[in-house]
Amino acid sequence: MATTLPEKIQAIVIGDHATSVQTGNFASEEHIQNLDPDNIIVRIRAIGLNPTDWKHAFLNLGKEGNISGCGAAGDIVRVGSRLKHLQVGDRIAALNT
């Protein structure tokens, strides 16, 4: 399994009375290069869109700059040093609250 991180990513970002798909740096970011010991990086394989996602995006309920989307599944590609129970390649489901 490849663990190379993408240089750029795309996300649905909530703006001031507008929502847009934005491209941003990823692999070169400081917090990605120096992963917190309690964090993981996941290659997302699937997402779930539910009422909270579209309400935050289109009814101006989310905070400006937030990334829309709360449910996902994927494969771990990096593991922080303190997380001994997880390893690269593990399949996970996640909920962002």
N, C-alpha and C. Protein backbone atom coordinates (compact mmCIF):
# COMPACT_ATOMS: atom_id res chain seq x y z
N MET A 1 0.84 -1.18 0.00
CA MET A 1 0.00 0.00 0.00
C MET A 1 0.89 1.24 0.00
N ALA A 2 0.63 2.16 -0.92
CA ALA A 2 1.40 3.39 -1.01
C ALA A 2 1.03 4.32 0.14
N THR A 3 2.06 4.95 0.72
CA THR A 3 1.80 5.89 1.80
C THR A 3 2.24 7.30 1.44
N THR A 4 2.45 7.56 0.16
CA THR A 4 2.81 8.89 -0.29
C THR A 4 1.61 9.81 -0.11
N LEU A 5 1.85 10.96 0.48
CA LEU A 5 0.77 11.92 0.71
C LEU A 5 0.64 12.86 -0.47
N PRO A 6 -0.58 13.27 -0.79
CA PRO A 6 -0.77 14.21 -1.90
C PRO A 6 -0.25 15.60 -1.55
N GLU A 7 0.29 16.29 -2.54
CA GLU A 7 0.74 17.67 -2.33
C GLU A 7 -0.45 18.61 -2.12
N LYS A 8 -1.55 18.34 -2.80
CA LYS A 8 -2.75 19.20 -2.72
C LYS A 8 -3.97 18.34 -2.40
N ILE A 9 -4.95 18.95 -1.74
CA ILE A 9 -6.23 18.29 -1.48
C ILE A 9 -7.35 19.27 -1.81
N GLN A 10 -8.55 18.74 -2.00
CA GLN A 10 -9.73 19.57 -2.21
C GLN A 10 -10.72 19.31 -1.10
N ALA A 11 -11.44 20.37 -0.71
CA ALA A 11 -12.43 20.26 0.35
C ALA A 11 -13.56 21.25 0.09
N ILE A 12 -14.75 20.92 0.59
CA ILE A 12 -15.87 21.85 0.56
C ILE A 12 -15.71 22.75 1.78
N VAL A 13 -15.49 24.04 1.54
CA VAL A 13 -15.21 24.98 2.62
C VAL A 13 -16.36 25.97 2.74
N ILE A 14 -16.81 26.16 3.97
CA ILE A 14 -17.90 27.11 4.24
C ILE A 14 -17.31 28.51 4.29
N GLY A 15 -17.95 29.43 3.55
CA GLY A 15 -17.51 30.82 3.53
C GLY A 15 -18.58 31.73 4.08
N ASP A 16 -18.39 33.02 3.94
CA ASP A 16 -19.36 34.01 4.39
C ASP A 16 -20.49 34.06 3.38
N HIS A 17 -21.59 33.38 3.65
CA HIS A 17 -22.77 33.28 2.78
C HIS A 17 -22.47 32.61 1.45
N ALA A 18 -21.42 31.80 1.41
CA ALA A 18 -21.09 31.05 0.19
C ALA A 18 -20.30 29.81 0.57
N THR A 19 -20.44 28.79 -0.23
CA THR A 19 -19.70 27.55 -0.03
C THR A 19 -18.98 27.23 -1.32
N SER A 20 -17.74 26.76 -1.22
CA SER A 20 -16.98 26.49 -2.44
C SER A 20 -16.05 25.30 -2.24
N VAL A 21 -15.67 24.70 -3.36
CA VAL A 21 -14.64 23.67 -3.34
C VAL A 21 -13.31 24.39 -3.48
N GLN A 22 -12.42 24.16 -2.53
CA GLN A 22 -11.13 24.83 -2.54
C GLN A 22 -10.01 23.81 -2.56
N THR A 23 -8.91 24.20 -3.20
CA THR A 23 -7.71 23.37 -3.24
C THR A 23 -6.69 23.98 -2.29
N GLY A 24 -6.07 23.14 -1.49
CA GLY A 24 -5.08 23.63 -0.54
C GLY A 24 -3.88 22.72 -0.46
N ASN A 25 -2.80 23.25 0.10
CA ASN A 25 -1.59 22.45 0.31
C ASN A 25 -1.87 21.38 1.35
N PHE A 26 -1.17 20.26 1.25
CA PHE A 26 -1.34 19.21 2.24
C PHE A 26 0.00 18.67 2.72
N ALA A 27 0.70 17.93 1.88
CA ALA A 27 1.92 17.23 2.31
C ALA A 27 3.00 18.17 2.84
N SER A 28 3.04 19.40 2.34
CA SER A 28 4.09 20.34 2.76
C SER A 28 3.73 21.10 4.04
N GLU A 29 2.52 20.94 4.54
CA GLU A 29 2.10 21.67 5.74
C GLU A 29 2.88 21.20 6.96
N GLU A 30 3.24 22.14 7.83
CA GLU A 30 4.03 21.84 9.03
C GLU A 30 3.38 20.78 9.91
N HIS A 31 2.07 20.88 10.16
CA HIS A 31 1.41 19.92 11.05
C HIS A 31 1.27 18.53 10.41
N ILE A 32 1.45 18.43 9.11
CA ILE A 32 1.46 17.13 8.44
C ILE A 32 2.87 16.55 8.46
N GLN A 33 3.86 17.39 8.19
CA GLN A 33 5.26 16.94 8.21
C GLN A 33 5.66 16.47 9.61
N ASN A 34 5.18 17.16 10.63
CA ASN A 34 5.50 16.83 12.02
C ASN A 34 4.22 16.39 12.72
N LEU A 35 3.78 15.19 12.38
CA LEU A 35 2.51 14.67 12.88
C LEU A 35 2.51 14.59 14.40
N ASP A 36 1.44 15.12 14.99
CA ASP A 36 1.26 15.04 16.44
C ASP A 36 1.28 13.58 16.85
N PRO A 37 1.90 13.23 17.97
CA PRO A 37 2.01 11.82 18.37
C PRO A 37 0.68 11.12 18.62
N ASP A 38 -0.40 11.89 18.81
CA ASP A 38 -1.72 11.30 19.05
C ASP A 38 -2.64 11.34 17.83
N ASN A 39 -2.11 11.68 16.67
CA ASN A 39 -2.93 11.81 15.46
C ASN A 39 -2.60 10.75 14.42
N ILE A 40 -3.53 10.60 13.48
CA ILE A 40 -3.31 9.73 12.32
C ILE A 40 -3.67 10.52 11.07
N ILE A 41 -3.19 10.06 9.93
CA ILE A 41 -3.61 10.59 8.63
C ILE A 41 -4.27 9.45 7.89
N VAL A 42 -5.44 9.73 7.33
CA VAL A 42 -6.25 8.71 6.67
C VAL A 42 -6.45 9.07 5.21
N ARG A 43 -6.24 8.11 4.33
CA ARG A 43 -6.61 8.27 2.92
C ARG A 43 -8.09 7.93 2.84
N ILE A 44 -8.90 8.94 2.56
CA ILE A 44 -10.34 8.76 2.54
C ILE A 44 -10.75 7.99 1.29
N ARG A 45 -11.52 6.93 1.49
CA ARG A 45 -12.04 6.11 0.39
C ARG A 45 -13.51 6.39 0.12
N ALA A 46 -14.25 6.80 1.15
CA ALA A 46 -15.68 7.08 0.99
C ALA A 46 -16.11 8.09 2.05
N ILE A 47 -17.08 8.92 1.69
CA ILE A 47 -17.66 9.85 2.65
C ILE A 47 -19.16 9.67 2.68
N GLY A 48 -19.76 10.11 3.74
CA GLY A 48 -21.21 10.11 3.84
C GLY A 48 -21.69 11.55 3.93
N LEU A 49 -22.60 11.91 3.07
CA LEU A 49 -23.20 13.24 3.15
C LEU A 49 -24.55 13.10 3.83
N ASN A 50 -24.76 13.86 4.86
CA ASN A 50 -26.01 13.78 5.58
C ASN A 50 -26.58 15.17 5.81
N PRO A 51 -27.72 15.29 6.43
CA PRO A 51 -28.36 16.61 6.58
C PRO A 51 -27.47 17.67 7.22
N THR A 52 -26.62 17.31 8.16
CA THR A 52 -25.78 18.34 8.77
C THR A 52 -24.81 18.94 7.75
N ASP A 53 -24.35 18.14 6.81
CA ASP A 53 -23.40 18.65 5.82
C ASP A 53 -24.03 19.71 4.93
N TRP A 54 -25.17 19.41 4.33
CA TRP A 54 -25.75 20.40 3.42
C TRP A 54 -26.33 21.58 4.18
N LYS A 55 -26.81 21.37 5.40
CA LYS A 55 -27.33 22.51 6.18
C LYS A 55 -26.22 23.48 6.54
N HIS A 56 -25.08 22.96 6.96
CA HIS A 56 -23.96 23.83 7.27
C HIS A 56 -23.46 24.56 6.02
N ALA A 57 -23.46 23.85 4.91
CA ALA A 57 -22.93 24.43 3.68
C ALA A 57 -23.86 25.46 3.05
N PHE A 58 -25.17 25.20 3.06
CA PHE A 58 -26.07 26.04 2.28
C PHE A 58 -27.05 26.88 3.08
N LEU A 59 -27.17 26.65 4.37
CA LEU A 59 -28.07 27.46 5.20
C LEU A 59 -27.29 28.38 6.14
N ASN A 60 -26.01 28.54 5.86
CA ASN A 60 -25.16 29.45 6.62
C ASN A 60 -25.14 29.10 8.11
N LEU A 61 -25.08 27.81 8.43
CA LEU A 61 -25.05 27.37 9.82
C LEU A 61 -23.64 27.09 10.32
N GLY A 62 -22.73 26.86 9.41
CA GLY A 62 -21.35 26.55 9.81
C GLY A 62 -20.53 27.82 9.98
N LYS A 63 -19.41 27.69 10.65
CA LYS A 63 -18.50 28.81 10.83
C LYS A 63 -17.64 28.97 9.59
N GLU A 64 -17.35 30.21 9.24
CA GLU A 64 -16.53 30.48 8.07
C GLU A 64 -15.18 29.78 8.20
N GLY A 65 -14.77 29.08 7.15
CA GLY A 65 -13.50 28.36 7.13
C GLY A 65 -13.61 26.90 7.50
N ASN A 66 -14.75 26.48 8.07
CA ASN A 66 -14.94 25.06 8.39
C ASN A 66 -15.02 24.23 7.12
N ILE A 67 -14.57 23.00 7.20
CA ILE A 67 -14.66 22.06 6.09
C ILE A 67 -15.88 21.19 6.33
N SER A 68 -16.73 21.11 5.32
CA SER A 68 -17.97 20.34 5.44
C SER A 68 -17.68 18.85 5.30
N GLY A 69 -18.48 18.07 6.00
CA GLY A 69 -18.35 16.61 5.95
C GLY A 69 -18.00 16.06 7.32
N CYS A 70 -18.75 15.06 7.76
CA CYS A 70 -18.47 14.56 9.11
C CYS A 70 -18.25 13.05 9.17
N GLY A 71 -18.65 12.30 8.17
CA GLY A 71 -18.47 10.85 8.21
C GLY A 71 -17.59 10.38 7.07
N ALA A 72 -16.65 9.48 7.37
CA ALA A 72 -15.75 8.99 6.33
C ALA A 72 -15.22 7.61 6.68
N ALA A 73 -14.70 6.94 5.67
CA ALA A 73 -14.02 5.65 5.86
C ALA A 73 -12.78 5.65 4.97
N GLY A 74 -11.73 4.99 5.43
CA GLY A 74 -10.52 4.95 4.64
C GLY A 74 -9.44 4.09 5.28
N ASP A 75 -8.21 4.30 4.81
CA ASP A 75 -7.05 3.54 5.25
C ASP A 75 -6.06 4.47 5.93
N ILE A 76 -5.49 4.02 7.03
CA ILE A 76 -4.47 4.81 7.72
C ILE A 76 -3.19 4.80 6.90
N VAL A 77 -2.62 6.01 6.68
CA VAL A 77 -1.36 6.11 5.93
C VAL A 77 -0.21 6.63 6.80
N ARG A 78 -0.51 7.26 7.92
CA ARG A 78 0.51 7.69 8.88
C ARG A 78 -0.07 7.55 10.29
N VAL A 79 0.80 7.18 11.23
CA VAL A 79 0.37 6.97 12.61
C VAL A 79 1.31 7.74 13.54
N GLY A 80 0.72 8.50 14.47
CA GLY A 80 1.51 9.19 15.48
C GLY A 80 2.23 8.19 16.39
N SER A 81 3.33 8.62 16.95
CA SER A 81 4.22 7.73 17.71
C SER A 81 3.59 7.14 18.97
N ARG A 82 2.60 7.77 19.56
CA ARG A 82 1.97 7.25 20.79
C ARG A 82 0.87 6.24 20.53
N LEU A 83 0.44 6.09 19.29
CA LEU A 83 -0.71 5.23 18.97
C LEU A 83 -0.23 3.83 18.62
N LYS A 84 -0.05 3.02 19.62
CA LYS A 84 0.48 1.66 19.43
C LYS A 84 -0.57 0.67 18.95
N HIS A 85 -1.85 1.00 19.11
CA HIS A 85 -2.92 0.08 18.72
C HIS A 85 -3.35 0.24 17.26
N LEU A 86 -2.76 1.20 16.54
CA LEU A 86 -3.08 1.43 15.13
C LEU A 86 -1.82 1.27 14.30
N GLN A 87 -2.02 0.88 13.02
CA GLN A 87 -0.87 0.77 12.13
C GLN A 87 -1.27 1.16 10.71
N VAL A 88 -0.27 1.52 9.92
CA VAL A 88 -0.49 1.86 8.51
C VAL A 88 -1.19 0.69 7.84
N GLY A 89 -2.23 1.00 7.07
CA GLY A 89 -2.99 -0.03 6.36
C GLY A 89 -4.28 -0.42 7.05
N ASP A 90 -4.42 -0.09 8.35
CA ASP A 90 -5.68 -0.38 9.04
C ASP A 90 -6.82 0.38 8.37
N ARG A 91 -7.97 -0.28 8.24
CA ARG A 91 -9.16 0.35 7.68
C ARG A 91 -9.98 0.91 8.84
N ILE A 92 -10.44 2.15 8.67
CA ILE A 92 -11.16 2.78 9.76
C ILE A 92 -12.41 3.51 9.26
N ALA A 93 -13.29 3.79 10.18
CA ALA A 93 -14.42 4.70 9.96
C ALA A 93 -14.22 5.85 10.93
N ALA A 94 -14.61 7.05 10.51
CA ALA A 94 -14.38 8.23 11.34
C ALA A 94 -15.62 9.11 11.38
N LEU A 95 -15.79 9.79 12.49
CA LEU A 95 -16.86 10.77 12.65
C LEU A 95 -16.25 12.03 13.20
N ASN A 96 -16.35 13.11 12.47
CA ASN A 96 -15.83 14.41 12.88
C ASN A 96 -16.95 15.15 13.59
N THR A 97 -16.76 15.45 14.86
CA THR A 97 -17.81 16.14 15.61
C THR A 97 -17.41 17.55 15.95
